[in-house]
C-alpha atoms as a PDB file:
ATOM      1  CA  MET A   1      40.051 -15.511  16.935  1.00  0.00           C
ATOM      2  CA  HIS A   2      40.183 -14.453  20.594  1.00  0.00           C
ATOM      3  CA  GLU A   3      37.112 -12.805  22.068  1.00  0.00           C
ATOM      4  CA  HIS A   4      38.862  -9.454  22.562  1.00  0.00           C
ATOM      5  CA  GLU A   5      39.713  -9.422  18.852  1.00  0.00           C
ATOM      6  CA  LEU A   6      36.106  -9.739  17.747  1.00  0.00           C
ATOM      7  CA  THR A   7      34.414  -6.605  16.405  1.00  0.00           C
ATOM      8  CA  LYS A   8      30.835  -5.714  15.794  1.00  0.00           C
ATOM      9  CA  MET A   9      29.327  -3.280  13.337  1.00  0.00           C
ATOM     10  CA  ALA A  10      26.996  -0.591  14.627  1.00  0.00           C
ATOM     11  CA  LEU A  11      25.052   2.034  12.752  1.00  0.00           C
ATOM     12  CA  ALA A  12      26.761   5.397  13.236  1.00  0.00           C
ATOM     13  CA  LYS A  13      24.841   8.264  14.805  1.00  0.00           C
ATOM     14  CA  GLY A  14      26.589  10.679  12.507  1.00  0.00           C
ATOM     15  CA  GLN A  15      29.893  11.733  11.045  1.00  0.00           C
ATOM     16  CA  VAL A  16      32.897  13.810  12.047  1.00  0.00           C
ATOM     17  CA  LEU A  17      35.446  15.222   9.627  1.00  0.00           C
ATOM     18  CA  LEU A  18      38.780  15.331  11.454  1.00  0.00           C
ATOM     19  CA  VAL A  19      41.006  17.817   9.613  1.00  0.00           C
ATOM     20  CA  CYS A  20      44.790  17.894   9.990  1.00  0.00           C
ATOM     21  CA  THR A  21      47.639  19.915   8.580  1.00  0.00           C
ATOM     22  CA  SER A  22      49.743  18.718   5.661  1.00  0.00           C
ATOM     23  CA  CYS A  23      52.636  20.975   6.664  1.00  0.00           C
ATOM     24  CA  CYS A  24      55.790  19.557   8.252  1.00  0.00           C
ATOM     25  CA  GLN A  25      57.882  22.733   8.265  1.00  0.00           C
ATOM     26  CA  VAL A  26      57.123  26.076   9.885  1.00  0.00           C
ATOM     27  CA  GLY A  27      59.991  28.504  10.242  1.00  0.00           C
ATOM     28  CA  ASP A  28      63.012  26.670  11.643  1.00  0.00           C
ATOM     29  CA  ARG A  29      60.934  23.635  12.596  1.00  0.00           C
ATOM     30  CA  LYS A  30      61.365  20.896  10.011  1.00  0.00           C
ATOM     31  CA  ASP A  31      59.826  17.963  11.902  1.00  0.00           C
ATOM     32  CA  THR A  32      56.486  19.375  12.876  1.00  0.00           C
ATOM     33  CA  GLY A  33      52.958  18.540  11.736  1.00  0.00           C
ATOM     34  CA  VAL A  34      49.906  17.507  13.731  1.00  0.00           C
ATOM     35  CA  TRP A  35      50.140  16.935  17.499  1.00  0.00           C
ATOM     36  CA  LEU A  36      48.944  13.357  17.501  1.00  0.00           C
ATOM     37  CA  SER A  37      47.212  13.221  20.890  1.00  0.00           C
ATOM     38  CA  GLU A  38      44.895  15.940  19.540  1.00  0.00           C
ATOM     39  CA  VAL A  39      43.840  13.366  16.962  1.00  0.00           C
ATOM     40  CA  ALA A  40      43.916  10.196  19.056  1.00  0.00           C
ATOM     41  CA  VAL A  41      42.001  11.403  22.098  1.00  0.00           C
ATOM     42  CA  PRO A  42      39.002  12.886  20.214  1.00  0.00           C
ATOM     43  CA  TYR A  43      39.039   9.988  17.745  1.00  0.00           C
ATOM     44  CA  TYR A  44      38.234   7.453  20.447  1.00  0.00           C
ATOM     45  CA  ILE A  45      35.705   9.717  22.148  1.00  0.00           C
ATOM     46  CA  PHE A  46      33.838  10.254  18.877  1.00  0.00           C
ATOM     47  CA  ARG A  47      33.942   6.563  17.991  1.00  0.00           C
ATOM     48  CA  GLY A  48      33.027   5.534  21.509  1.00  0.00           C
ATOM     49  CA  ASN A  49      29.879   7.604  21.087  1.00  0.00           C
ATOM     50  CA  SER A  50      29.119   5.934  17.735  1.00  0.00           C
ATOM     51  CA  TYR A  51      30.279   8.731  15.450  1.00  0.00           C
ATOM     52  CA  ASP A  52      32.073   7.737  12.287  1.00  0.00           C
ATOM     53  CA  VAL A  53      35.353   9.634  11.808  1.00  0.00           C
ATOM     54  CA  THR A  54      36.932  10.535   8.474  1.00  0.00           C
ATOM     55  CA  PHE A  55      40.535  11.752   8.498  1.00  0.00           C
ATOM     56  CA  CYS A  56      41.190  14.629   6.158  1.00  0.00           C
ATOM     57  CA  SER A  57      44.214  16.807   5.459  1.00  0.00           C
ATOM     58  CA  LEU A  58      44.771  19.852   3.316  1.00  0.00           C
ATOM     59  CA  SER A  59      46.695  17.927   0.673  1.00  0.00           C
ATOM     60  CA  GLY A  60      45.513  14.381   1.383  1.00  0.00           C
ATOM     61  CA  GLY A  61      47.675  11.312   1.857  1.00  0.00           C
ATOM     62  CA  PRO A  62      50.102  10.865   4.782  1.00  0.00           C
ATOM     63  CA  ILE A  63      49.592  13.356   7.602  1.00  0.00           C
ATOM     64  CA  PRO A  64      52.886  14.635   9.058  1.00  0.00           C
ATOM     65  CA  VAL A  65      53.230  14.083  12.799  1.00  0.00           C
ATOM     66  CA  ASP A  66      55.168  16.331  15.148  1.00  0.00           C
ATOM     67  CA  GLN A  67      57.813  14.052  16.616  1.00  0.00           C
ATOM     68  CA  ALA A  68      57.843  15.967  19.911  1.00  0.00           C
ATOM     69  CA  GLY A  69      54.291  14.752  20.438  1.00  0.00           C
ATOM     70  CA  LEU A  70      55.404  11.113  20.541  1.00  0.00           C
ATOM     71  CA  SER A  71      57.524  11.372  23.694  1.00  0.00           C
ATOM     72  CA  ASP A  72      57.239   8.890  26.538  1.00  0.00           C
ATOM     73  CA  ALA A  73      55.801  11.645  28.714  1.00  0.00           C
ATOM     74  CA  GLU A  74      53.100  12.369  26.156  1.00  0.00           C
ATOM     75  CA  LYS A  75      52.230   8.684  25.864  1.00  0.00           C
ATOM     76  CA  ALA A  76      52.001   8.406  29.648  1.00  0.00           C
ATOM     77  CA  ALA A  77      49.742  11.460  29.835  1.00  0.00           C
ATOM     78  CA  HIS A  78      47.512  10.259  26.988  1.00  0.00           C
ATOM     79  CA  PRO A  79      47.131   6.442  26.886  1.00  0.00           C
ATOM     80  CA  GLU A  80      44.916   6.886  23.819  1.00  0.00           C
ATOM     81  CA  LEU A  81      48.066   7.813  21.915  1.00  0.00           C
ATOM     82  CA  VAL A  82      49.601   4.389  22.540  1.00  0.00           C
ATOM     83  CA  ARG A  83      46.349   2.729  21.548  1.00  0.00           C
ATOM     84  CA  PHE A  84      46.172   4.814  18.387  1.00  0.00           C
ATOM     85  CA  LEU A  85      49.711   3.952  17.283  1.00  0.00           C
ATOM     86  CA  ALA A  86      48.843   0.253  17.569  1.00  0.00           C
ATOM     87  CA  ASP A  87      45.466   0.646  15.857  1.00  0.00           C
ATOM     88  CA  ASP A  88      45.846  -0.515  12.241  1.00  0.00           C
ATOM     89  CA  ALA A  89      42.587   1.075  11.080  1.00  0.00           C
ATOM     90  CA  ALA A  90      43.417   4.430  12.661  1.00  0.00           C
ATOM     91  CA  MET A  91      46.961   4.455  11.329  1.00  0.00           C
ATOM     92  CA  LEU A  92      45.721   3.564   7.852  1.00  0.00           C
ATOM     93  CA  GLN A  93      43.511   6.655   7.879  1.00  0.00           C
ATOM     94  CA  LEU A  94      46.441   8.729   9.135  1.00  0.00           C
ATOM     95  CA  HIS A  95      48.536   7.597   6.166  1.00  0.00           C
ATOM     96  CA  GLN A  96      45.729   7.736   3.604  1.00  0.00           C
ATOM     97  CA  SER A  97      43.831  10.854   4.603  1.00  0.00           C
ATOM     98  CA  VAL A  98      41.152  12.316   2.354  1.00  0.00           C
ATOM     99  CA  PRO A  99      42.228  15.502   0.512  1.00  0.00           C
ATOM    100  CA  LEU A 100      40.245  18.525   1.596  1.00  0.00           C
ATOM    101  CA  HIS A 101      39.245  19.438  -1.956  1.00  0.00           C
ATOM    102  CA  SER A 102      37.294  16.169  -2.222  1.00  0.00           C
ATOM    103  CA  VAL A 103      34.919  17.222   0.558  1.00  0.00           C
ATOM    104  CA  THR A 104      32.130  18.467  -1.693  1.00  0.00           C
ATOM    105  CA  ASP A 105      29.358  18.485   0.913  1.00  0.00           C
ATOM    106  CA  PRO A 106      30.733  19.759   4.245  1.00  0.00           C
ATOM    107  CA  GLY A 107      27.252  20.055   5.697  1.00  0.00           C
ATOM    108  CA  ALA A 108      26.857  16.275   5.541  1.00  0.00           C
ATOM    109  CA  TYR A 109      29.184  16.080   8.537  1.00  0.00           C
ATOM    110  CA  ASP A 110      27.846  16.712  12.029  1.00  0.00           C
ATOM    111  CA  CYS A 111      31.142  18.215  13.143  1.00  0.00           C
ATOM    112  CA  ILE A 112      34.250  19.625  11.491  1.00  0.00           C
ATOM    113  CA  TYR A 113      37.145  19.180  13.933  1.00  0.00           C
ATOM    114  CA  LEU A 114      40.486  20.929  13.344  1.00  0.00           C
ATOM    115  CA  ALA A 115      43.445  19.298  15.088  1.00  0.00           C
ATOM    116  CA  GLY A 116      46.426  21.406  16.100  1.00  0.00           C
ATOM    117  CA  GLY A 117      50.181  21.168  16.095  1.00  0.00           C
ATOM    118  CA  HIS A 118      52.594  23.783  14.768  1.00  0.00           C
ATOM    119  CA  GLY A 119      52.037  22.545  11.222  1.00  0.00           C
ATOM    120  CA  ALA A 120      48.561  24.086  11.330  1.00  0.00           C
ATOM    121  CA  MET A 121      50.161  27.523  11.503  1.00  0.00           C
ATOM    122  CA  GLY A 122      51.833  26.888   8.156  1.00  0.00           C
ATOM    123  CA  ASP A 123      48.952  25.873   5.896  1.00  0.00           C
ATOM    124  CA  MET A 124      45.598  26.367   7.601  1.00  0.00           C
ATOM    125  CA  PRO A 125      45.310  30.185   7.853  1.00  0.00           C
ATOM    126  CA  ASP A 126      45.340  30.860   4.104  1.00  0.00           C
ATOM    127  CA  SER A 127      43.659  27.705   2.821  1.00  0.00           C
ATOM    128  CA  LYS A 128      40.705  28.642   0.604  1.00  0.00           C
ATOM    129  CA  GLU A 129      39.527  25.027   0.663  1.00  0.00           C
ATOM    130  CA  LEU A 130      39.458  25.012   4.460  1.00  0.00           C
ATOM    131  CA  GLN A 131      37.598  28.323   4.475  1.00  0.00           C
ATOM    132  CA  ARG A 132      35.063  26.796   2.090  1.00  0.00           C
ATOM    133  CA  VAL A 133      34.559  23.631   4.122  1.00  0.00           C
ATOM    134  CA  VAL A 134      34.331  25.322   7.519  1.00  0.00           C
ATOM    135  CA  GLY A 135      32.261  28.235   6.230  1.00  0.00           C
ATOM    136  CA  GLU A 136      29.670  26.047   4.526  1.00  0.00           C
ATOM    137  CA  ALA A 137      29.405  23.696   7.508  1.00  0.00           C
ATOM    138  CA  ALA A 138      28.935  26.657   9.867  1.00  0.00           C
ATOM    139  CA  ARG A 139      26.243  28.178   7.651  1.00  0.00           C
ATOM    140  CA  ARG A 140      24.371  24.888   7.788  1.00  0.00           C
ATOM    141  CA  GLY A 141      24.491  24.859  11.581  1.00  0.00           C
ATOM    142  CA  ARG A 142      27.098  22.142  12.029  1.00  0.00           C
ATOM    143  CA  ILE A 143      29.467  22.060  14.992  1.00  0.00           C
ATOM    144  CA  ILE A 144      32.909  23.531  14.307  1.00  0.00           C
ATOM    145  CA  ALA A 145      35.578  22.377  16.775  1.00  0.00           C
ATOM    146  CA  SER A 146      39.299  23.042  17.065  1.00  0.00           C
ATOM    147  CA  VAL A 147      42.080  22.697  19.598  1.00  0.00           C
ATOM    148  CA  CYS A 148      45.507  24.223  20.279  1.00  0.00           C
ATOM    149  CA  HIS A 149      46.763  25.656  16.938  1.00  0.00           C
ATOM    150  CA  GLY A 150      43.694  24.310  15.143  1.00  0.00           C
ATOM    151  CA  PRO A 151      41.883  27.681  15.443  1.00  0.00           C
ATOM    152  CA  ALA A 152      44.398  28.941  12.868  1.00  0.00           C
ATOM    153  CA  GLY A 153      42.025  27.288  10.413  1.00  0.00           C
ATOM    154  CA  LEU A 154      39.240  29.653  11.483  1.00  0.00           C
ATOM    155  CA  LEU A 155      41.111  32.874  10.738  1.00  0.00           C
ATOM    156  CA  GLY A 156      40.010  33.339   7.133  1.00  0.00           C
ATOM    157  CA  VAL A 157      36.456  32.033   7.524  1.00  0.00           C
ATOM    158  CA  LYS A 158      33.583  34.488   7.103  1.00  0.00           C
ATOM    159  CA  ASP A 159      30.000  34.237   8.282  1.00  0.00           C
ATOM    160  CA  GLU A 160      26.924  34.858   6.127  1.00  0.00           C
ATOM    161  CA  ASP A 161      27.328  38.620   6.569  1.00  0.00           C
ATOM    162  CA  GLY A 162      30.961  38.589   5.488  1.00  0.00           C
ATOM    163  CA  LYS A 163      32.287  39.113   9.002  1.00  0.00           C
ATOM    164  CA  PRO A 164      35.008  36.939  10.596  1.00  0.00           C
ATOM    165  CA  LEU A 165      33.460  33.731  11.900  1.00  0.00           C
ATOM    166  CA  VAL A 166      35.224  34.197  15.240  1.00  0.00           C
ATOM    167  CA  ALA A 167      34.092  37.809  15.754  1.00  0.00           C
ATOM    168  CA  GLY A 168      32.252  38.153  19.057  1.00  0.00           C
ATOM    169  CA  LYS A 169      32.853  34.504  19.937  1.00  0.00           C
ATOM    170  CA  THR A 170      34.475  33.341  23.154  1.00  0.00           C
ATOM    171  CA  ILE A 171      37.162  30.852  22.195  1.00  0.00           C
ATOM    172  CA  ALA A 172      40.311  29.157  23.460  1.00  0.00           C
ATOM    173  CA  CYS A 173      43.573  28.615  21.605  1.00  0.00           C
ATOM    174  CA  PHE A 174      47.270  27.993  22.212  1.00  0.00           C
ATOM    175  CA  THR A 175      48.325  31.074  24.164  1.00  0.00           C
ATOM    176  CA  LYS A 176      51.272  33.398  23.763  1.00  0.00           C
ATOM    177  CA  ALA A 177      52.618  32.184  27.115  1.00  0.00           C
ATOM    178  CA  GLU A 178      52.499  28.586  25.900  1.00  0.00           C
ATOM    179  CA  GLU A 179      54.168  29.525  22.633  1.00  0.00           C
ATOM    180  CA  GLU A 180      56.992  31.154  24.549  1.00  0.00           C
ATOM    181  CA  LYS A 181      57.417  28.025  26.630  1.00  0.00           C
ATOM    182  CA  THR A 182      57.782  25.848  23.536  1.00  0.00           C
ATOM    183  CA  GLY A 183      60.651  28.036  22.335  1.00  0.00           C
ATOM    184  CA  ALA A 184      59.008  28.278  18.916  1.00  0.00           C
ATOM    185  CA  ALA A 185      57.445  31.714  19.313  1.00  0.00           C
ATOM    186  CA  GLY A 186      60.104  33.357  17.168  1.00  0.00           C
ATOM    187  CA  THR A 187      59.637  30.900  14.303  1.00  0.00           C
ATOM    188  CA  MET A 188      55.864  31.207  14.057  1.00  0.00           C
ATOM    189  CA  PRO A 189      54.510  33.461  11.301  1.00  0.00           C
ATOM    190  CA  PHE A 190      52.282  35.203  13.864  1.00  0.00           C
ATOM    191  CA  GLN A 191      50.864  34.774  17.350  1.00  0.00           C
ATOM    192  CA  LEU A 192      47.554  32.943  17.073  1.00  0.00           C
ATOM    193  CA  GLU A 193      46.107  34.521  20.204  1.00  0.00           C
ATOM    194  CA  ASP A 194      46.836  38.035  18.897  1.00  0.00           C
ATOM    195  CA  ARG A 195      45.408  37.356  15.450  1.00  0.00           C
ATOM    196  CA  LEU A 196      42.170  35.968  16.881  1.00  0.00           C
ATOM    197  CA  ARG A 197      41.755  39.027  19.092  1.00  0.00           C
ATOM    198  CA  GLU A 198      42.351  41.289  16.087  1.00  0.00           C
ATOM    199  CA  LEU A 199      39.426  39.568  14.362  1.00  0.00           C
ATOM    200  CA  GLY A 200      37.141  40.330  17.305  1.00  0.00           C
ATOM    201  CA  ALA A 201      37.308  37.046  19.211  1.00  0.00           C
ATOM    202  CA  ASN A 202      37.159  36.979  22.980  1.00  0.00           C
ATOM    203  CA  VAL A 203      40.091  34.674  23.728  1.00  0.00           C
ATOM    204  CA  ARG A 204      39.778  32.981  27.106  1.00  0.00           C
ATOM    205  CA  GLY A 205      43.120  31.658  28.312  1.00  0.00           C
ATOM    206  CA  GLU A 206      44.170  29.658  31.342  1.00  0.00           C
ATOM    207  CA  ASP A 207      47.627  28.906  32.743  1.00  0.00           C
ATOM    208  CA  VAL A 208      50.173  27.064  30.610  1.00  0.00           C
ATOM    209  CA  ASN A 209      49.181  23.437  29.910  1.00  0.00           C
ATOM    210  CA  MET A 210      45.941  23.725  31.876  1.00  0.00           C
ATOM    211  CA  GLU A 211      42.792  22.152  30.449  1.00  0.00           C
ATOM    212  CA  ASN A 212      40.613  24.855  28.958  1.00  0.00           C
ATOM    213  CA  ALA A 213      37.760  24.294  26.539  1.00  0.00           C
ATOM    214  CA  VAL A 214      34.727  26.389  25.762  1.00  0.00           C
ATOM    215  CA  ARG A 215      31.603  26.109  23.649  1.00  0.00           C
ATOM    216  CA  ASP A 216      30.040  29.266  22.240  1.00  0.00           C
ATOM    217  CA  GLY A 217      27.057  28.264  20.150  1.00  0.00           C
ATOM    218  CA  PHE A 218      28.214  26.104  17.238  1.00  0.00           C
ATOM    219  CA  LEU A 219      31.885  26.771  18.003  1.00  0.00           C
ATOM    220  CA  VAL A 220      33.873  24.507  20.371  1.00  0.00           C
ATOM    221  CA  THR A 221      37.529  25.301  21.035  1.00  0.00           C
ATOM    222  CA  GLY A 222      40.339  24.159  23.321  1.00  0.00           C
ATOM    223  CA  GLN A 223      43.584  25.755  24.470  1.00  0.00           C
ATOM    224  CA  ASN A 224      46.090  22.912  24.190  1.00  0.00           C
ATOM    225  CA  HIS A 225      46.540  19.153  23.826  1.00  0.00           C
ATOM    226  CA  ASN A 226      45.421  18.662  27.420  1.00  0.00           C
ATOM    227  CA  SER A 227      42.065  20.128  26.386  1.00  0.00           C
ATOM    228  CA  SER A 228      41.355  17.662  23.562  1.00  0.00           C
ATOM    229  CA  ALA A 229      39.175  15.321  25.602  1.00  0.00           C
ATOM    230  CA  ARG A 230      37.075  18.176  26.920  1.00  0.00           C
ATOM    231  CA  VAL A 231      36.629  19.605  23.427  1.00  0.00           C
ATOM    232  CA  ALA A 232      35.437  16.247  22.103  1.00  0.00           C
ATOM    233  CA  SER A 233      33.100  15.826  25.075  1.00  0.00           C
ATOM    234  CA  LEU A 234      31.591  19.266  24.480  1.00  0.00           C
ATOM    235  CA  VAL A 235      31.033  18.309  20.850  1.00  0.00           C
ATOM    236  CA  ILE A 236      29.208  15.140  21.877  1.00  0.00           C
ATOM    237  CA  GLU A 237      27.160  17.138  24.361  1.00  0.00           C
ATOM    238  CA  ALA A 238      26.248  19.695  21.700  1.00  0.00           C
ATOM    239  CA  LEU A 239      25.257  16.985  19.217  1.00  0.00           C
ATOM    240  CA  SER A 240      23.145  15.241  21.848  1.00  0.00           C
ATOM    241  CA  VAL A 241      21.224  18.411  22.659  1.00  0.00           C
ATOM    242  CA  HIS A 242      20.930  19.635  19.076  1.00  0.00           C
ATOM    243  CA  PRO A 243      21.561  16.621  16.841  1.00  0.00           C
ATOM    244  CA  SER A 244      21.903  17.580  13.209  1.00  0.00           C
ATOM    245  CA  GLY A 245      21.571  14.031  11.959  1.00  0.00           C
ATOM    246  CA  PRO A 246      23.948  12.085   9.735  1.00  0.00           C
ATOM    247  CA  GLY A 247      23.059  13.972   6.572  1.00  0.00           C
ATOM    248  CA  ALA A 248      23.337  12.479   3.111  1.00  0.00           C
ATOM    249  CA  PRO A 249      25.770   9.639   2.375  1.00  0.00           C
ATOM    250  CA  ILE A 250      29.257  10.901   1.517  1.00  0.00           C
ATOM    251  CA  VAL A 251      30.431   9.191  -1.618  1.00  0.00           C
ATOM    252  CA  GLY A 252      34.096   8.185  -1.428  1.00  0.00           C
ATOM    253  CA  HIS A 253      34.443   8.866   2.283  1.00  0.00           C
ATOM    254  CA  ALA A 254      33.996   6.690   5.370  1.00  0.00           C
ATOM    255  CA  ALA A 255      30.297   6.596   6.121  1.00  0.00           C
ATOM    256  CA  GLY A 256      27.509   4.566   7.671  1.00  0.00           C
ATOM    257  CA  ALA A 257      29.110   2.190  10.143  1.00  0.00           C
ATOM    258  CA  VAL A 258      31.766   2.014  12.829  1.00  0.00           C
ATOM    259  CA  ALA A 259      33.699  -0.947  14.157  1.00  0.00           C
ATOM    260  CA  GLU A 260      33.704  -1.300  17.923  1.00  0.00           C
ATOM    261  CA  ALA A 261      35.649  -3.803  19.970  1.00  0.00           C
END
């Protein structure tokens, strides 16, 4: 075995639950799903900082991938995407994701991260399981992170007082201007930016495709796929300042060790 193929096992600092959509069709879009760079970029940042990552989706099993997110331009902009596609362990998780209903102890994770892509607009907003997982993790002081359309998964979550989790929080999400540019605005069930504002969130937007990520307490959010790295970095920063610890072992999920090249 060549030296660059050797791996070593290291004790993980903690655990991240990376949640993706299971929806491949929203409106007229029949080839959507998760935007893969929003998975690949944070995945390597979390692992590079010794956090174990478990892939989860609303239904479990293969996670649908938005084919527009696999363009040559996207691969050039995000080299991690190319690495991810050639990473057997990462791709195995992508095709064998944990079903959300099997996450019985959300607070055992240091961070719940919601990836985006148009598919998230189809199944995340009304998912009772996602509301359970995110709500319980938030109540136990864990970091909740999301990027692009991922904040759609925050819409139905309530805090301990029964108020919207996003109320009064400064957050970023895929903007109306960006939705118009994609040409998919008319096929979306609603405008994410508008819905978040209706729930009392202070949505902070930048120009189309500009990096924009913000942390407000336990909540870390990013505007678009170009913000994924910053979101993951803010999560690592938050965990370093206020580490919650790895929690109890998670039976049936990836836990305890990470493989590093």
